[in-house]
């Protein structure tokens, strides 16, 4: 990603908006902001093919974002903050690690939700 002062400013503003939406328990606005944050990074890649594939994944992940809201939403500013901080420090490996940690955490939350849903469905 091409990390510019403008991108860093937008990321920081997004993290603050996320905190506001979480405080007000506004799930829809939080999910929209989460999508926006991730899209900023994808767009900064300058790779149109990646952006097209990423947008497809983003759209398919909407249900997951709503399903994991209660388990993972409060961690979003932390995960996004770690990514932001690494990019701000021009630590690309750290940013990659922070992104992977963020994805793994949310994936784990989704799997826990799915396990609970499966147990309740078949109980």
PDB file of N, CA and C in Angstrom:
ATOM      1  N   UNK A   1       0.847  -1.187   0.000  1.00  0.00           N
ATOM      2  CA  UNK A   1       0.000   0.000   0.000  1.00  0.00           C
ATOM      3  C   UNK A   1       0.882   1.236   0.000  1.00  0.00           C
ATOM      4  N   UNK A   2       0.409   2.241  -0.701  1.00  0.00           N
ATOM      5  CA  UNK A   2       1.105   3.524  -0.685  1.00  0.00           C
ATOM      6  C   UNK A   2       0.579   4.290   0.524  1.00  0.00           C
ATOM      7  N   UNK A   3       1.413   4.404   1.544  1.00  0.00           N
ATOM      8  CA  UNK A   3       1.015   5.047   2.789  1.00  0.00           C
ATOM      9  C   UNK A   3       1.328   6.529   2.687  1.00  0.00           C
ATOM     10  N   UNK A   4       0.273   7.328   2.679  1.00  0.00           N
ATOM     11  CA  UNK A   4       0.413   8.781   2.575  1.00  0.00           C
ATOM     12  C   UNK A   4      -0.106   9.435   3.853  1.00  0.00           C
ATOM     13  N   UNK A   5       0.273  10.681   4.085  1.00  0.00           N
ATOM     14  CA  UNK A   5      -0.297  11.384   5.250  1.00  0.00           C
ATOM     15  C   UNK A   5      -1.826  11.422   5.201  1.00  0.00           C
ATOM     16  N   UNK A   6      -2.377  11.534   4.009  1.00  0.00           N
ATOM     17  CA  UNK A   6      -3.833  11.558   3.856  1.00  0.00           C
ATOM     18  C   UNK A   6      -4.438  10.221   4.279  1.00  0.00           C
ATOM     19  N   UNK A   7      -3.842   9.115   3.853  1.00  0.00           N
ATOM     20  CA  UNK A   7      -4.328   7.793   4.242  1.00  0.00           C
ATOM     21  C   UNK A   7      -4.261   7.629   5.757  1.00  0.00           C
ATOM     22  N   UNK A   8      -3.144   8.020   6.352  1.00  0.00           N
ATOM     23  CA  UNK A   8      -3.000   7.888   7.805  1.00  0.00           C
ATOM     24  C   UNK A   8      -4.042   8.726   8.543  1.00  0.00           C
ATOM     25  N   UNK A   9      -4.297   9.930   8.053  1.00  0.00           N
ATOM     26  CA  UNK A   9      -5.312  10.787   8.678  1.00  0.00           C
ATOM     27  C   UNK A   9      -6.693  10.145   8.584  1.00  0.00           C
ATOM     28  N   UNK A  10      -7.026   9.633   7.396  1.00  0.00           N
ATOM     29  CA  UNK A  10      -8.324   8.987   7.203  1.00  0.00           C
ATOM     30  C   UNK A  10      -8.466   7.740   8.079  1.00  0.00           C
ATOM     31  N   UNK A  11      -7.387   6.991   8.224  1.00  0.00           N
ATOM     32  CA  UNK A  11      -7.424   5.802   9.073  1.00  0.00           C
ATOM     33  C   UNK A  11      -7.661   6.187  10.533  1.00  0.00           C
ATOM     34  N   UNK A  12      -6.946   7.201  11.004  1.00  0.00           N
ATOM     35  CA  UNK A  12      -7.111   7.654  12.384  1.00  0.00           C
ATOM     36  C   UNK A  12      -8.542   8.145  12.622  1.00  0.00           C
ATOM     37  N   UNK A  13      -9.092   8.875  11.660  1.00  0.00           N
ATOM     38  CA  UNK A  13     -10.466   9.365  11.783  1.00  0.00           C
ATOM     39  C   UNK A  13     -11.453   8.198  11.796  1.00  0.00           C
ATOM     40  N   UNK A  14     -11.191   7.189  10.997  1.00  0.00           N
ATOM     41  CA  UNK A  14     -12.050   6.010  10.956  1.00  0.00           C
ATOM     42  C   UNK A  14     -12.046   5.288  12.305  1.00  0.00           C
ATOM     43  N   UNK A  15     -10.889   5.166  12.905  1.00  0.00           N
ATOM     44  CA  UNK A  15     -10.796   4.514  14.217  1.00  0.00           C
ATOM     45  C   UNK A  15     -11.616   5.280  15.246  1.00  0.00           C
ATOM     46  N   UNK A  16     -11.558   6.597  15.204  1.00  0.00           N
ATOM     47  CA  UNK A  16     -12.351   7.410  16.146  1.00  0.00           C
ATOM     48  C   UNK A  16     -13.845   7.262  15.892  1.00  0.00           C
ATOM     49  N   UNK A  17     -14.237   7.236  14.610  1.00  0.00           N
ATOM     50  CA  UNK A  17     -15.657   7.028  14.303  1.00  0.00           C
ATOM     51  C   UNK A  17     -16.117   5.658  14.797  1.00  0.00           C
ATOM     52  N   UNK A  18     -15.265   4.661  14.632  1.00  0.00           N
ATOM     53  CA  UNK A  18     -15.594   3.312  15.096  1.00  0.00           C
ATOM     54  C   UNK A  18     -15.861   3.327  16.598  1.00  0.00           C
ATOM     55  N   UNK A  19     -15.022   4.007  17.345  1.00  0.00           N
ATOM     56  CA  UNK A  19     -15.215   4.091  18.803  1.00  0.00           C
ATOM     57  C   UNK A  19     -16.563   4.735  19.131  1.00  0.00           C
ATOM     58  N   UNK A  20     -16.924   5.778  18.394  1.00  0.00           N
ATOM     59  CA  UNK A  20     -18.202   6.459  18.615  1.00  0.00           C
ATOM     60  C   UNK A  20     -19.369   5.517  18.326  1.00  0.00           C
ATOM     61  N   UNK A  21     -19.292   4.805  17.212  1.00  0.00           N
ATOM     62  CA  UNK A  21     -20.375   3.886  16.851  1.00  0.00           C
ATOM     63  C   UNK A  21     -20.492   2.741  17.848  1.00  0.00           C
ATOM     64  N   UNK A  22     -19.373   2.273  18.350  1.00  0.00           N
ATOM     65  CA  UNK A  22     -19.408   1.204  19.354  1.00  0.00           C
ATOM     66  C   UNK A  22     -20.030   1.704  20.653  1.00  0.00           C
ATOM     67  N   UNK A  23     -19.669   2.917  21.052  1.00  0.00           N
ATOM     68  CA  UNK A  23     -20.208   3.478  22.291  1.00  0.00           C
ATOM     69  C   UNK A  23     -21.723   3.625  22.219  1.00  0.00           C
ATOM     70  N   UNK A  24     -22.238   3.929  21.037  1.00  0.00           N
ATOM     71  CA  UNK A  24     -23.686   4.093  20.870  1.00  0.00           C
ATOM     72  C   UNK A  24     -24.372   2.793  20.452  1.00  0.00           C
ATOM     73  N   UNK A  25     -23.597   1.704  20.340  1.00  0.00           N
ATOM     74  CA  UNK A  25     -24.112   0.380  19.943  1.00  0.00           C
ATOM     75  C   UNK A  25     -24.805   0.426  18.568  1.00  0.00           C
ATOM     76  N   UNK A  26     -24.284   1.259  17.677  1.00  0.00           N
ATOM     77  CA  UNK A  26     -24.832   1.384  16.329  1.00  0.00           C
ATOM     78  C   UNK A  26     -24.149   0.364  15.420  1.00  0.00           C
ATOM     79  N   UNK A  27     -24.730  -0.817  15.362  1.00  0.00           N
ATOM     80  CA  UNK A  27     -24.139  -1.940  14.632  1.00  0.00           C
ATOM     81  C   UNK A  27     -23.971  -1.612  13.146  1.00  0.00           C
ATOM     82  N   UNK A  28     -24.989  -1.055  12.528  1.00  0.00           N
ATOM     83  CA  UNK A  28     -24.933  -0.782  11.087  1.00  0.00           C
ATOM     84  C   UNK A  28     -23.812   0.210  10.758  1.00  0.00           C
ATOM     85  N   UNK A  29     -23.723   1.283  11.521  1.00  0.00           N
ATOM     86  CA  UNK A  29     -22.677   2.284  11.249  1.00  0.00           C
ATOM     87  C   UNK A  29     -21.295   1.704  11.527  1.00  0.00           C
ATOM     88  N   UNK A  30     -21.206   0.868  12.569  1.00  0.00           N
ATOM     89  CA  UNK A  30     -19.915   0.240  12.863  1.00  0.00           C
ATOM     90  C   UNK A  30     -19.479  -0.648  11.702  1.00  0.00           C
ATOM     91  N   UNK A  31     -20.379  -1.472  11.198  1.00  0.00           N
ATOM     92  CA  UNK A  31     -20.036  -2.369  10.090  1.00  0.00           C
ATOM     93  C   UNK A  31     -19.633  -1.552   8.860  1.00  0.00           C
ATOM     94  N   UNK A  32     -20.370  -0.493   8.561  1.00  0.00           N
ATOM     95  CA  UNK A  32     -20.024   0.370   7.431  1.00  0.00           C
ATOM     96  C   UNK A  32     -18.626   0.960   7.606  1.00  0.00           C
ATOM     97  N   UNK A  33     -18.323   1.410   8.811  1.00  0.00           N
ATOM     98  CA  UNK A  33     -17.012   2.016   9.064  1.00  0.00           C
ATOM     99  C   UNK A  33     -15.903   0.968   8.987  1.00  0.00           C
ATOM    100  N   UNK A  34     -16.203  -0.239   9.454  1.00  0.00           N
ATOM    101  CA  UNK A  34     -15.234  -1.323   9.375  1.00  0.00           C
ATOM    102  C   UNK A  34     -14.911  -1.620   7.910  1.00  0.00           C
ATOM    103  N   UNK A  35     -15.939  -1.692   7.093  1.00  0.00           N
ATOM    104  CA  UNK A  35     -15.730  -1.901   5.652  1.00  0.00           C
ATOM    105  C   UNK A  35     -14.900  -0.770   5.057  1.00  0.00           C
ATOM    106  N   UNK A  36     -15.210   0.452   5.457  1.00  0.00           N
ATOM    107  CA  UNK A  36     -14.494   1.627   4.936  1.00  0.00           C
ATOM    108  C   UNK A  36     -13.014   1.560   5.305  1.00  0.00           C
ATOM    109  N   UNK A  37     -12.713   1.192   6.557  1.00  0.00           N
ATOM    110  CA  UNK A  37     -11.326   1.121   7.008  1.00  0.00           C
ATOM    111  C   UNK A  37     -10.542   0.116   6.159  1.00  0.00           C
ATOM    112  N   UNK A  38     -11.111  -1.066   5.991  1.00  0.00           N
ATOM    113  CA  UNK A  38     -10.423  -2.093   5.222  1.00  0.00           C
ATOM    114  C   UNK A  38     -10.280  -1.683   3.756  1.00  0.00           C
ATOM    115  N   UNK A  39     -11.307  -1.033   3.234  1.00  0.00           N
ATOM    116  CA  UNK A  39     -11.265  -0.593   1.839  1.00  0.00           C
ATOM    117  C   UNK A  39     -10.162   0.439   1.617  1.00  0.00           C
ATOM    118  N   UNK A  40      -9.931   1.330   2.586  1.00  0.00           N
ATOM    119  CA  UNK A  40      -8.875   2.342   2.451  1.00  0.00           C
ATOM    120  C   UNK A  40      -7.522   1.679   2.195  1.00  0.00           C
ATOM    121  N   UNK A  41      -7.263   0.614   2.935  1.00  0.00           N
ATOM    122  CA  UNK A  41      -5.981  -0.073   2.789  1.00  0.00           C
ATOM    123  C   UNK A  41      -5.910  -0.769   1.431  1.00  0.00           C
ATOM    124  N   UNK A  42      -6.985  -1.436   1.054  1.00  0.00           N
ATOM    125  CA  UNK A  42      -7.002  -2.123  -0.241  1.00  0.00           C
ATOM    126  C   UNK A  42      -6.793  -1.121  -1.375  1.00  0.00           C
ATOM    127  N   UNK A  43      -7.494  -0.024  -1.307  1.00  0.00           N
ATOM    128  CA  UNK A  43      -7.398   0.989  -2.356  1.00  0.00           C
ATOM    129  C   UNK A  43      -5.996   1.579  -2.440  1.00  0.00           C
ATOM    130  N   UNK A  44      -5.342   1.709  -1.287  1.00  0.00           N
ATOM    131  CA  UNK A  44      -3.985   2.257  -1.264  1.00  0.00           C
ATOM    132  C   UNK A  44      -2.984   1.326  -1.934  1.00  0.00           C
ATOM    133  N   UNK A  45      -3.384   0.074  -2.167  1.00  0.00           N
ATOM    134  CA  UNK A  45      -2.486  -0.861  -2.852  1.00  0.00           C
ATOM    135  C   UNK A  45      -2.244  -0.433  -4.291  1.00  0.00           C
ATOM    136  N   UNK A  46      -3.208   0.297  -4.866  1.00  0.00           N
ATOM    137  CA  UNK A  46      -3.079   0.710  -6.254  1.00  0.00           C
ATOM    138  C   UNK A  46      -3.229  -0.434  -7.239  1.00  0.00           C
ATOM    139  N   UNK A  47      -3.729  -1.558  -6.754  1.00  0.00           N
ATOM    140  CA  UNK A  47      -3.862  -2.750  -7.584  1.00  0.00           C
ATOM    141  C   UNK A  47      -5.345  -2.976  -7.873  1.00  0.00           C
ATOM    142  N   UNK A  48      -5.808  -2.611  -9.080  1.00  0.00           N
ATOM    143  CA  UNK A  48      -7.242  -2.726  -9.384  1.00  0.00           C
ATOM    144  C   UNK A  48      -7.772  -4.151  -9.318  1.00  0.00           C
ATOM    145  N   UNK A  49      -6.957  -5.127  -9.690  1.00  0.00           N
ATOM    146  CA  UNK A  49      -7.399  -6.524  -9.627  1.00  0.00           C
ATOM    147  C   UNK A  49      -7.620  -6.949  -8.179  1.00  0.00           C
ATOM    148  N   UNK A  50      -6.680  -6.585  -7.318  1.00  0.00           N
ATOM    149  CA  UNK A  50      -6.835  -6.888  -5.890  1.00  0.00           C
ATOM    150  C   UNK A  50      -8.076  -6.197  -5.339  1.00  0.00           C
ATOM    151  N   UNK A  51      -8.282  -4.935  -5.696  1.00  0.00           N
ATOM    152  CA  UNK A  51      -9.445  -4.182  -5.203  1.00  0.00           C
ATOM    153  C   UNK A  51     -10.751  -4.849  -5.630  1.00  0.00           C
ATOM    154  N   UNK A  52     -10.799  -5.331  -6.847  1.00  0.00           N
ATOM    155  CA  UNK A  52     -12.009  -5.991  -7.333  1.00  0.00           C
ATOM    156  C   UNK A  52     -12.270  -7.272  -6.530  1.00  0.00           C
ATOM    157  N   UNK A  53     -11.235  -8.063  -6.333  1.00  0.00           N
ATOM    158  CA  UNK A  53     -11.387  -9.305  -5.554  1.00  0.00           C
ATOM    159  C   UNK A  53     -11.725  -8.988  -4.093  1.00  0.00           C
ATOM    160  N   UNK A  54     -11.073  -7.975  -3.557  1.00  0.00           N
ATOM    161  CA  UNK A  54     -11.303  -7.589  -2.169  1.00  0.00           C
ATOM    162  C   UNK A  54     -12.740  -7.110  -1.956  1.00  0.00           C
ATOM    163  N   UNK A  55     -13.243  -6.320  -2.887  1.00  0.00           N
ATOM    164  CA  UNK A  55     -14.623  -5.836  -2.776  1.00  0.00           C
ATOM    165  C   UNK A  55     -15.601  -7.009  -2.768  1.00  0.00           C
ATOM    166  N   UNK A  56     -15.334  -8.013  -3.578  1.00  0.00           N
ATOM    167  CA  UNK A  56     -16.175  -9.204  -3.619  1.00  0.00           C
ATOM    168  C   UNK A  56     -16.172  -9.901  -2.247  1.00  0.00           C
ATOM    169  N   UNK A  57     -15.005 -10.059  -1.664  1.00  0.00           N
ATOM    170  CA  UNK A  57     -14.889 -10.690  -0.344  1.00  0.00           C
ATOM    171  C   UNK A  57     -15.600  -9.834   0.707  1.00  0.00           C
ATOM    172  N   UNK A  58     -15.420  -8.528   0.631  1.00  0.00           N
ATOM    173  CA  UNK A  58     -16.069  -7.627   1.594  1.00  0.00           C
ATOM    174  C   UNK A  58     -17.590  -7.821   1.571  1.00  0.00           C
ATOM    175  N   UNK A  59     -18.159  -7.865   0.389  1.00  0.00           N
ATOM    176  CA  UNK A  59     -19.610  -8.012   0.276  1.00  0.00           C
ATOM    177  C   UNK A  59     -20.071  -9.355   0.835  1.00  0.00           C
ATOM    178  N   UNK A  60     -19.300 -10.390   0.579  1.00  0.00           N
ATOM    179  CA  UNK A  60     -19.659 -11.717   1.068  1.00  0.00           C
ATOM    180  C   UNK A  60     -19.486 -11.847   2.581  1.00  0.00           C
ATOM    181  N   UNK A  61     -18.704 -10.979   3.167  1.00  0.00           N
ATOM    182  CA  UNK A  61     -18.439 -11.080   4.604  1.00  0.00           C
ATOM    183  C   UNK A  61     -19.420 -10.276   5.464  1.00  0.00           C
ATOM    184  N   UNK A  62     -20.370  -9.610   4.856  1.00  0.00           N
ATOM    185  CA  UNK A  62     -21.291  -8.759   5.628  1.00  0.00           C
ATOM    186  C   UNK A  62     -22.033  -9.530   6.712  1.00  0.00           C
ATOM    187  N   UNK A  63     -22.581 -10.672   6.393  1.00  0.00           N
ATOM    188  CA  UNK A  63     -23.307 -11.449   7.385  1.00  0.00           C
ATOM    189  C   UNK A  63     -22.390 -11.830   8.547  1.00  0.00           C
ATOM    190  N   UNK A  64     -21.174 -12.212   8.228  1.00  0.00           N
ATOM    191  CA  UNK A  64     -20.213 -12.567   9.276  1.00  0.00           C
ATOM    192  C   UNK A  64     -19.954 -11.385  10.193  1.00  0.00           C
ATOM    193  N   UNK A  65     -19.853 -10.214   9.646  1.00  0.00           N
ATOM    194  CA  UNK A  65     -19.586  -9.017  10.457  1.00  0.00           C
ATOM    195  C   UNK A  65     -20.729  -8.765  11.444  1.00  0.00           C
ATOM    196  N   UNK A  66     -21.942  -8.960  10.977  1.00  0.00           N
ATOM    197  CA  UNK A  66     -23.079  -8.784  11.875  1.00  0.00           C
ATOM    198  C   UNK A  66     -23.131  -9.900  12.917  1.00  0.00           C
ATOM    199  N   UNK A  67     -22.816 -11.122  12.514  1.00  0.00           N
ATOM    200  CA  UNK A  67     -22.872 -12.259  13.442  1.00  0.00           C
ATOM    201  C   UNK A  67     -21.819 -12.149  14.544  1.00  0.00           C
ATOM    202  N   UNK A  68     -20.660 -11.569  14.241  1.00  0.00           N
ATOM    203  CA  UNK A  68     -19.582 -11.493  15.231  1.00  0.00           C
ATOM    204  C   UNK A  68     -19.561 -10.161  15.968  1.00  0.00           C
ATOM    205  N   UNK A  69     -20.515  -9.288  15.715  1.00  0.00           N
ATOM    206  CA  UNK A  69     -20.487  -7.952  16.297  1.00  0.00           C
ATOM    207  C   UNK A  69     -20.306  -7.987  17.809  1.00  0.00           C
ATOM    208  N   UNK A  70     -21.116  -8.761  18.505  1.00  0.00           N
ATOM    209  CA  UNK A  70     -21.054  -8.768  19.963  1.00  0.00           C
ATOM    210  C   UNK A  70     -19.764  -9.381  20.500  1.00  0.00           C
ATOM    211  N   UNK A  71     -19.109 -10.209  19.708  1.00  0.00           N
ATOM    212  CA  UNK A  71     -17.879 -10.843  20.169  1.00  0.00           C
ATOM    213  C   UNK A  71     -16.620 -10.084  19.758  1.00  0.00           C
ATOM    214  N   UNK A  72     -16.656  -9.431  18.606  1.00  0.00           N
ATOM    215  CA  UNK A  72     -15.413  -8.856  18.089  1.00  0.00           C
ATOM    216  C   UNK A  72     -15.426  -7.348  17.887  1.00  0.00           C
ATOM    217  N   UNK A  73     -16.572  -6.723  17.927  1.00  0.00           N
ATOM    218  CA  UNK A  73     -16.638  -5.298  17.584  1.00  0.00           C
ATOM    219  C   UNK A  73     -15.768  -4.436  18.486  1.00  0.00           C
ATOM    220  N   UNK A  74     -15.778  -4.698  19.778  1.00  0.00           N
ATOM    221  CA  UNK A  74     -15.002  -3.859  20.693  1.00  0.00           C
ATOM    222  C   UNK A  74     -13.501  -3.968  20.469  1.00  0.00           C
ATOM    223  N   UNK A  75     -13.060  -5.049  19.838  1.00  0.00           N
ATOM    224  CA  UNK A  75     -11.634  -5.202  19.544  1.00  0.00           C
ATOM    225  C   UNK A  75     -11.243  -4.474  18.264  1.00  0.00           C
ATOM    226  N   UNK A  76     -12.216  -4.048  17.497  1.00  0.00           N
ATOM    227  CA  UNK A  76     -11.944  -3.424  16.208  1.00  0.00           C
ATOM    228  C   UNK A  76     -11.022  -2.203  16.315  1.00  0.00           C
ATOM    229  N   UNK A  77     -11.279  -1.257  17.231  1.00  0.00           N
ATOM    230  CA  UNK A  77     -10.364  -0.115  17.322  1.00  0.00           C
ATOM    231  C   UNK A  77      -8.941  -0.540  17.696  1.00  0.00           C
ATOM    232  N   UNK A  78      -8.816  -1.594  18.478  1.00  0.00           N
ATOM    233  CA  UNK A  78      -7.487  -2.077  18.852  1.00  0.00           C
ATOM    234  C   UNK A  78      -6.780  -2.675  17.632  1.00  0.00           C
ATOM    235  N   UNK A  79      -7.470  -3.580  16.939  1.00  0.00           N
ATOM    236  CA  UNK A  79      -6.881  -4.194  15.745  1.00  0.00           C
ATOM    237  C   UNK A  79      -6.556  -3.168  14.681  1.00  0.00           C
ATOM    238  N   UNK A  80      -7.491  -2.270  14.429  1.00  0.00           N
ATOM    239  CA  UNK A  80      -7.255  -1.224  13.434  1.00  0.00           C
ATOM    240  C   UNK A  80      -6.141  -0.294  13.896  1.00  0.00           C
ATOM    241  N   UNK A  81      -6.115  -0.008  15.193  1.00  0.00           N
ATOM    242  CA  UNK A  81      -5.065   0.860  15.742  1.00  0.00           C
ATOM    243  C   UNK A  81      -3.685   0.249  15.568  1.00  0.00           C
ATOM    244  N   UNK A  82      -3.582  -1.060  15.754  1.00  0.00           N
ATOM    245  CA  UNK A  82      -2.287  -1.732  15.568  1.00  0.00           C
ATOM    246  C   UNK A  82      -1.827  -1.655  14.114  1.00  0.00           C
ATOM    247  N   UNK A  83      -2.766  -1.838  13.206  1.00  0.00           N
ATOM    248  CA  UNK A  83      -2.443  -1.727  11.773  1.00  0.00           C
ATOM    249  C   UNK A  83      -2.008  -0.301  11.452  1.00  0.00           C
ATOM    250  N   UNK A  84      -2.794   0.654  11.918  1.00  0.00           N
ATOM    251  CA  UNK A  84      -2.503   2.071  11.684  1.00  0.00           C
ATOM    252  C   UNK A  84      -1.120   2.432  12.218  1.00  0.00           C
ATOM    253  N   UNK A  85      -0.828   2.036  13.452  1.00  0.00           N
ATOM    254  CA  UNK A  85       0.444   2.390  14.081  1.00  0.00           C
ATOM    255  C   UNK A  85       1.620   1.821  13.304  1.00  0.00           C
ATOM    256  N   UNK A  86       1.502   0.576  12.875  1.00  0.00           N
ATOM    257  CA  UNK A  86       2.583  -0.036  12.101  1.00  0.00           C
ATOM    258  C   UNK A  86       2.789   0.693  10.774  1.00  0.00           C
ATOM    259  N   UNK A  87       1.693   1.042  10.096  1.00  0.00           N
ATOM    260  CA  UNK A  87       1.821   1.774   8.839  1.00  0.00           C
ATOM    261  C   UNK A  87       2.408   3.162   9.075  1.00  0.00           C
ATOM    262  N   UNK A  88       1.994   3.800  10.144  1.00  0.00           N
ATOM    263  CA  UNK A  88       2.511   5.131  10.482  1.00  0.00           C
ATOM    264  C   UNK A  88       4.020   5.076  10.712  1.00  0.00           C
ATOM    265  N   UNK A  89       4.483   3.991  11.310  1.00  0.00           N
ATOM    266  CA  UNK A  89       5.909   3.813  11.585  1.00  0.00           C
ATOM    267  C   UNK A  89       6.660   3.203  10.402  1.00  0.00           C
ATOM    268  N   UNK A  90       5.957   3.046   9.276  1.00  0.00           N
ATOM    269  CA  UNK A  90       6.502   2.465   8.051  1.00  0.00           C
ATOM    270  C   UNK A  90       7.043   1.058   8.288  1.00  0.00           C
ATOM    271  N   UNK A  91       6.380   0.334   9.175  1.00  0.00           N
ATOM    272  CA  UNK A  91       6.737  -1.042   9.501  1.00  0.00           C
ATOM    273  C   UNK A  91       5.801  -1.963   8.745  1.00  0.00           C
ATOM    274  N   UNK A  92       6.140  -2.259   7.511  1.00  0.00           N
ATOM    275  CA  UNK A  92       5.267  -3.070   6.664  1.00  0.00           C
ATOM    276  C   UNK A  92       5.106  -4.487   7.201  1.00  0.00           C
ATOM    277  N   UNK A  93       6.165  -5.073   7.730  1.00  0.00           N
ATOM    278  CA  UNK A  93       6.045  -6.414   8.309  1.00  0.00           C
ATOM    279  C   UNK A  93       5.144  -6.388   9.539  1.00  0.00           C
ATOM    280  N   UNK A  94       5.280  -5.345  10.355  1.00  0.00           N
ATOM    281  CA  UNK A  94       4.418  -5.195  11.526  1.00  0.00           C
ATOM    282  C   UNK A  94       2.971  -4.995  11.121  1.00  0.00           C
ATOM    283  N   UNK A  95       2.740  -4.232  10.049  1.00  0.00           N
ATOM    284  CA  UNK A  95       1.375  -4.019   9.553  1.00  0.00           C
ATOM    285  C   UNK A  95       0.789  -5.325   9.051  1.00  0.00           C
ATOM    286  N   UNK A  96       1.588  -6.097   8.346  1.00  0.00           N
ATOM    287  CA  UNK A  96       1.124  -7.388   7.855  1.00  0.00           C
ATOM    288  C   UNK A  96       0.772  -8.302   9.024  1.00  0.00           C
ATOM    289  N   UNK A  97       1.626  -8.339  10.035  1.00  0.00           N
ATOM    290  CA  UNK A  97       1.362  -9.172  11.214  1.00  0.00           C
ATOM    291  C   UNK A  97       0.100  -8.695  11.936  1.00  0.00           C
ATOM    292  N   UNK A  98      -0.084  -7.376  12.047  1.00  0.00           N
ATOM    293  CA  UNK A  98      -1.271  -6.823  12.710  1.00  0.00           C
ATOM    294  C   UNK A  98      -2.536  -7.178  11.928  1.00  0.00           C
ATOM    295  N   UNK A  99      -2.456  -7.138  10.604  1.00  0.00           N
ATOM    296  CA  UNK A  99      -3.602  -7.510   9.778  1.00  0.00           C
ATOM    297  C   UNK A  99      -3.928  -8.985   9.959  1.00  0.00           C
ATOM    298  N   UNK A 100      -2.904  -9.820   9.971  1.00  0.00           N
ATOM    299  CA  UNK A 100      -3.132 -11.250  10.162  1.00  0.00           C
ATOM    300  C   UNK A 100      -3.743 -11.534  11.536  1.00  0.00           C
ATOM    301  N   UNK A 101      -3.245 -10.868  12.567  1.00  0.00           N
ATOM    302  CA  UNK A 101      -3.808 -11.043  13.916  1.00  0.00           C
ATOM    303  C   UNK A 101      -5.273 -10.637  13.944  1.00  0.00           C
ATOM    304  N   UNK A 102      -5.586  -9.523  13.306  1.00  0.00           N
ATOM    305  CA  UNK A 102      -6.956  -9.009  13.264  1.00  0.00           C
ATOM    306  C   UNK A 102      -7.875 -10.020  12.568  1.00  0.00           C
ATOM    307  N   UNK A 103      -7.438 -10.538  11.450  1.00  0.00           N
ATOM    308  CA  UNK A 103      -8.237 -11.515  10.695  1.00  0.00           C
ATOM    309  C   UNK A 103      -8.423 -12.794  11.505  1.00  0.00           C
ATOM    310  N   UNK A 104      -7.358 -13.272  12.115  1.00  0.00           N
ATOM    311  CA  UNK A 104      -7.457 -14.513  12.912  1.00  0.00           C
ATOM    312  C   UNK A 104      -8.409 -14.344  14.087  1.00  0.00           C
ATOM    313  N   UNK A 105      -8.360 -13.192  14.743  1.00  0.00           N
ATOM    314  CA  UNK A 105      -9.233 -12.955  15.885  1.00  0.00           C
ATOM    315  C   UNK A 105     -10.700 -12.984  15.463  1.00  0.00           C
ATOM    316  N   UNK A 106     -11.030 -12.249  14.415  1.00  0.00           N
ATOM    317  CA  UNK A 106     -12.423 -12.202  13.952  1.00  0.00           C
ATOM    318  C   UNK A 106     -12.858 -13.572  13.437  1.00  0.00           C
ATOM    319  N   UNK A 107     -11.971 -14.272  12.753  1.00  0.00           N
ATOM    320  CA  UNK A 107     -12.280 -15.626  12.288  1.00  0.00           C
ATOM    321  C   UNK A 107     -12.614 -16.523  13.482  1.00  0.00           C
ATOM    322  N   UNK A 108     -11.828 -16.434  14.543  1.00  0.00           N
ATOM    323  CA  UNK A 108     -12.094 -17.226  15.745  1.00  0.00           C
ATOM    324  C   UNK A 108     -13.444 -16.895  16.355  1.00  0.00           C
ATOM    325  N   UNK A 109     -13.787 -15.613  16.374  1.00  0.00           N
ATOM    326  CA  UNK A 109     -15.101 -15.198  16.885  1.00  0.00           C
ATOM    327  C   UNK A 109     -16.216 -15.789  16.039  1.00  0.00           C
ATOM    328  N   UNK A 110     -16.054 -15.738  14.730  1.00  0.00           N
ATOM    329  CA  UNK A 110     -17.079 -16.278  13.836  1.00  0.00           C
ATOM    330  C   UNK A 110     -17.236 -17.782  14.048  1.00  0.00           C
ATOM    331  N   UNK A 111     -16.136 -18.483  14.178  1.00  0.00           N
ATOM    332  CA  UNK A 111     -16.221 -19.933  14.392  1.00  0.00           C
ATOM    333  C   UNK A 111     -16.928 -20.254  15.705  1.00  0.00           C
ATOM    334  N   UNK A 112     -16.684 -19.469  16.752  1.00  0.00           N
ATOM    335  CA  UNK A 112     -17.383 -19.685  18.027  1.00  0.00           C
ATOM    336  C   UNK A 112     -18.885 -19.450  17.872  1.00  0.00           C
ATOM    337  N   UNK A 113     -19.265 -18.410  17.138  1.00  0.00           N
ATOM    338  CA  UNK A 113     -20.685 -18.142  16.894  1.00  0.00           C
ATOM    339  C   UNK A 113     -21.311 -19.300  16.140  1.00  0.00           C
ATOM    340  N   UNK A 114     -20.614 -19.794  15.136  1.00  0.00           N
ATOM    341  CA  UNK A 114     -21.144 -20.899  14.334  1.00  0.00           C
ATOM    342  C   UNK A 114     -21.292 -22.164  15.182  1.00  0.00           C
ATOM    343  N   UNK A 115     -20.356 -22.416  16.086  1.00  0.00           N
ATOM    344  CA  UNK A 115     -20.456 -23.587  16.959  1.00  0.00           C
ATOM    345  C   UNK A 115     -21.671 -23.485  17.867  1.00  0.00           C
ATOM    346  N   UNK A 116     -21.879 -22.297  18.451  1.00  0.00           N
ATOM    347  CA  UNK A 116     -23.034 -22.085  19.327  1.00  0.00           C
ATOM    348  C   UNK A 116     -24.324 -22.245  18.536  1.00  0.00           C
ATOM    349  N   UNK A 117     -24.371 -21.655  17.338  1.00  0.00           N
ATOM    350  CA  UNK A 117     -25.569 -21.785  16.501  1.00  0.00           C
ATOM    351  C   UNK A 117     -25.843 -23.240  16.153  1.00  0.00           C
ATOM    352  N   UNK A 118     -24.801 -24.001  15.856  1.00  0.00           N
ATOM    353  CA  UNK A 118     -24.968 -25.413  15.508  1.00  0.00           C
ATOM    354  C   UNK A 118     -25.487 -26.205  16.703  1.00  0.00           C
ATOM    355  N   UNK A 119     -24.963 -25.952  17.877  1.00  0.00           N
ATOM    356  CA  UNK A 119     -25.406 -26.641  19.077  1.00  0.00           C
ATOM    357  C   UNK A 119     -26.872 -26.326  19.352  1.00  0.00           C
ATOM    358  N   UNK A 120     -27.236 -25.047  19.246  1.00  0.00           N
ATOM    359  CA  UNK A 120     -28.621 -24.641  19.491  1.00  0.00           C
ATOM    360  C   UNK A 120     -29.575 -25.202  18.441  1.00  0.00           C
ATOM    361  N   UNK A 121     -29.120 -25.298  17.209  1.00  0.00           N
ATOM    362  CA  UNK A 121     -29.948 -25.804  16.129  1.00  0.00           C
ATOM    363  C   UNK A 121     -30.235 -27.299  16.306  1.00  0.00           C
ATOM    364  N   UNK A 122     -29.233 -28.040  16.732  1.00  0.00           N
ATOM    365  CA  UNK A 122     -29.376 -29.478  16.821  1.00  0.00           C
ATOM    366  C   UNK A 122     -29.668 -29.978  18.241  1.00  0.00           C
ATOM    367  N   UNK A 123     -29.863 -29.053  19.167  1.00  0.00           N
ATOM    368  CA  UNK A 123     -30.138 -29.462  20.553  1.00  0.00           C
ATOM    369  C   UNK A 123     -31.601 -29.837  20.735  1.00  0.00           C
TER     370      UNK A 123
END
